[in-house]
Amino acid sequence: MKNKNLRRISVLVTAQTAANLEKLAQMDGQTSIGRVMDKLVRDRMISLRQPKEVWMTHYINRFKEVR
């Protein structure tokens, strides 16, 4: 499979975030954290396609649990 439409970017993250990305890459069997970041962004964008009321309710309930 030939990869198309790829862009090189640089991302500045904390040491903890970098360690978590590496851990996620290892758990998923990926060779690089770039693929993990791509997967996380893709999943997040898909979740945002839900109706506004669905995700607003989710976040409002989530914030109530934190307080």
N, C-alpha and C. Protein backbone atom coordinates (compact mmCIF):
# COMPACT_ATOMS: atom_id res chain seq x y z
N MET A 1 0.84 -1.17 0.00
CA MET A 1 0.00 0.00 0.00
C MET A 1 0.89 1.24 0.00
N LYS A 2 0.64 2.11 -0.92
CA LYS A 2 1.43 3.32 -1.04
C LYS A 2 0.75 4.45 -0.26
N ASN A 3 1.51 5.07 0.66
CA ASN A 3 0.96 6.17 1.45
C ASN A 3 0.93 7.43 0.60
N LYS A 4 -0.20 8.11 0.61
CA LYS A 4 -0.35 9.33 -0.16
C LYS A 4 -0.83 10.45 0.74
N ASN A 5 -0.65 11.66 0.29
CA ASN A 5 -1.16 12.84 0.95
C ASN A 5 -0.64 12.97 2.38
N LEU A 6 0.65 12.75 2.58
CA LEU A 6 1.26 12.87 3.89
C LEU A 6 1.99 14.20 4.00
N ARG A 7 2.02 14.75 5.22
CA ARG A 7 2.72 15.99 5.49
C ARG A 7 3.64 15.78 6.68
N ARG A 8 4.79 16.41 6.65
CA ARG A 8 5.71 16.36 7.77
C ARG A 8 5.44 17.56 8.67
N ILE A 9 5.22 17.28 9.96
CA ILE A 9 5.01 18.37 10.91
C ILE A 9 5.87 18.12 12.15
N SER A 10 6.15 19.19 12.86
CA SER A 10 6.85 19.08 14.14
C SER A 10 5.89 19.49 15.23
N VAL A 11 5.88 18.73 16.31
CA VAL A 11 4.97 18.99 17.41
C VAL A 11 5.77 19.07 18.71
N LEU A 12 5.54 20.10 19.48
CA LEU A 12 6.20 20.26 20.77
C LEU A 12 5.23 19.81 21.86
N VAL A 13 5.60 18.76 22.61
CA VAL A 13 4.75 18.23 23.67
C VAL A 13 5.57 18.08 24.94
N THR A 14 4.89 17.89 26.05
CA THR A 14 5.58 17.68 27.32
C THR A 14 6.18 16.28 27.33
N ALA A 15 7.08 16.05 28.28
CA ALA A 15 7.71 14.73 28.41
C ALA A 15 6.67 13.65 28.72
N GLN A 16 5.69 14.01 29.54
CA GLN A 16 4.65 13.04 29.89
C GLN A 16 3.82 12.66 28.67
N THR A 17 3.46 13.64 27.85
CA THR A 17 2.69 13.36 26.63
C THR A 17 3.49 12.50 25.67
N ALA A 18 4.77 12.80 25.52
CA ALA A 18 5.62 12.00 24.63
C ALA A 18 5.69 10.55 25.12
N ALA A 19 5.84 10.38 26.43
CA ALA A 19 5.89 9.02 26.98
C ALA A 19 4.57 8.29 26.77
N ASN A 20 3.46 9.00 26.94
CA ASN A 20 2.16 8.38 26.72
C ASN A 20 1.95 8.02 25.26
N LEU A 21 2.40 8.87 24.34
CA LEU A 21 2.28 8.55 22.92
C LEU A 21 3.12 7.32 22.56
N GLU A 22 4.31 7.24 23.13
CA GLU A 22 5.16 6.07 22.88
C GLU A 22 4.52 4.81 23.45
N LYS A 23 3.91 4.93 24.62
CA LYS A 23 3.24 3.78 25.23
C LYS A 23 2.06 3.32 24.38
N LEU A 24 1.27 4.29 23.87
CA LEU A 24 0.14 3.95 23.01
C LEU A 24 0.61 3.29 21.71
N ALA A 25 1.71 3.80 21.16
CA ALA A 25 2.26 3.21 19.93
C ALA A 25 2.69 1.78 20.17
N GLN A 26 3.32 1.53 21.31
CA GLN A 26 3.77 0.18 21.63
C GLN A 26 2.58 -0.75 21.84
N MET A 27 1.55 -0.26 22.54
CA MET A 27 0.36 -1.08 22.80
C MET A 27 -0.36 -1.44 21.51
N ASP A 28 -0.36 -0.50 20.56
CA ASP A 28 -1.07 -0.71 19.29
C ASP A 28 -0.20 -1.40 18.25
N GLY A 29 1.08 -1.58 18.55
CA GLY A 29 1.98 -2.23 17.60
C GLY A 29 2.42 -1.33 16.46
N GLN A 30 2.31 -0.02 16.65
CA GLN A 30 2.71 0.94 15.62
C GLN A 30 4.21 1.20 15.72
N THR A 31 4.79 1.58 14.61
CA THR A 31 6.22 1.84 14.58
C THR A 31 6.57 3.27 14.95
N SER A 32 5.61 4.19 14.86
CA SER A 32 5.91 5.59 15.18
C SER A 32 4.74 6.23 15.90
N ILE A 33 5.04 7.28 16.65
CA ILE A 33 3.97 7.98 17.36
C ILE A 33 3.13 8.82 16.40
N GLY A 34 3.66 9.08 15.21
CA GLY A 34 2.89 9.83 14.21
C GLY A 34 1.61 9.11 13.82
N ARG A 35 1.69 7.81 13.70
CA ARG A 35 0.49 7.03 13.36
C ARG A 35 -0.51 7.05 14.51
N VAL A 36 0.01 7.05 15.73
CA VAL A 36 -0.87 7.12 16.91
C VAL A 36 -1.58 8.47 16.94
N MET A 37 -0.82 9.54 16.70
CA MET A 37 -1.42 10.88 16.68
C MET A 37 -2.47 10.98 15.58
N ASP A 38 -2.19 10.41 14.42
CA ASP A 38 -3.13 10.43 13.32
C ASP A 38 -4.42 9.71 13.71
N LYS A 39 -4.28 8.58 14.36
CA LYS A 39 -5.45 7.79 14.79
C LYS A 39 -6.26 8.55 15.84
N LEU A 40 -5.59 9.19 16.80
CA LEU A 40 -6.28 9.96 17.83
C LEU A 40 -7.05 11.13 17.23
N VAL A 41 -6.43 11.83 16.30
CA VAL A 41 -7.10 12.96 15.66
C VAL A 41 -8.29 12.48 14.83
N ARG A 42 -8.11 11.39 14.10
CA ARG A 42 -9.20 10.85 13.30
C ARG A 42 -10.38 10.46 14.17
N ASP A 43 -10.12 9.77 15.29
CA ASP A 43 -11.19 9.38 16.21
C ASP A 43 -11.90 10.59 16.80
N ARG A 44 -11.13 11.61 17.14
CA ARG A 44 -11.72 12.81 17.71
C ARG A 44 -12.61 13.53 16.69
N MET A 45 -12.16 13.63 15.45
CA MET A 45 -12.95 14.29 14.42
C MET A 45 -14.25 13.53 14.15
N ILE A 46 -14.19 12.21 14.18
CA ILE A 46 -15.39 11.41 13.99
C ILE A 46 -16.37 11.65 15.12
N SER A 47 -15.86 11.73 16.35
CA SER A 47 -16.75 11.95 17.49
C SER A 47 -17.39 13.33 17.43
N LEU A 48 -16.71 14.30 16.83
CA LEU A 48 -17.28 15.64 16.72
C LEU A 48 -18.37 15.73 15.66
N ARG A 49 -18.48 14.73 14.81
CA ARG A 49 -19.53 14.73 13.78
C ARG A 49 -20.89 14.40 14.37
N GLN A 50 -20.93 13.92 15.60
CA GLN A 50 -22.20 13.62 16.24
C GLN A 50 -22.99 14.91 16.41
N PRO A 51 -24.31 14.78 16.58
CA PRO A 51 -25.10 16.00 16.80
C PRO A 51 -24.59 16.77 18.02
N LYS A 52 -24.72 18.08 17.95
CA LYS A 52 -24.18 18.96 18.99
C LYS A 52 -24.72 18.58 20.37
N GLU A 53 -25.99 18.22 20.45
CA GLU A 53 -26.61 17.91 21.74
C GLU A 53 -25.96 16.69 22.39
N VAL A 54 -25.55 15.71 21.58
CA VAL A 54 -24.97 14.48 22.11
C VAL A 54 -23.65 14.78 22.81
N TRP A 55 -22.74 15.48 22.14
CA TRP A 55 -21.44 15.71 22.77
C TRP A 55 -21.50 16.79 23.83
N MET A 56 -22.43 17.75 23.72
CA MET A 56 -22.57 18.74 24.78
C MET A 56 -23.05 18.06 26.07
N THR A 57 -24.01 17.18 25.96
CA THR A 57 -24.51 16.45 27.12
C THR A 57 -23.40 15.63 27.74
N HIS A 58 -22.59 14.98 26.90
CA HIS A 58 -21.48 14.18 27.39
C HIS A 58 -20.51 15.02 28.20
N TYR A 59 -20.11 16.18 27.67
CA TYR A 59 -19.13 17.00 28.36
C TYR A 59 -19.71 17.69 29.59
N ILE A 60 -20.98 18.08 29.54
CA ILE A 60 -21.61 18.69 30.72
C ILE A 60 -21.65 17.67 31.85
N ASN A 61 -22.03 16.43 31.55
CA ASN A 61 -22.06 15.39 32.57
C ASN A 61 -20.67 15.08 33.08
N ARG A 62 -19.70 15.11 32.19
CA ARG A 62 -18.32 14.82 32.57
C ARG A 62 -17.78 15.88 33.52
N PHE A 63 -18.10 17.16 33.25
CA PHE A 63 -17.63 18.23 34.12
C PHE A 63 -18.31 18.17 35.48
N LYS A 64 -19.56 17.73 35.53
CA LYS A 64 -20.24 17.60 36.81
C LYS A 64 -19.56 16.54 37.68
N GLU A 65 -19.04 15.48 37.05
CA GLU A 65 -18.36 14.43 37.80
C GLU A 65 -17.05 14.93 38.39
N VAL A 66 -16.39 15.85 37.72
CA VAL A 66 -15.08 16.34 38.17
C VAL A 66 -15.23 17.26 39.38
N ARG A 67 -16.30 18.04 39.40
CA ARG A 67 -16.49 19.01 40.50
C ARG A 67 -16.65 18.34 41.78
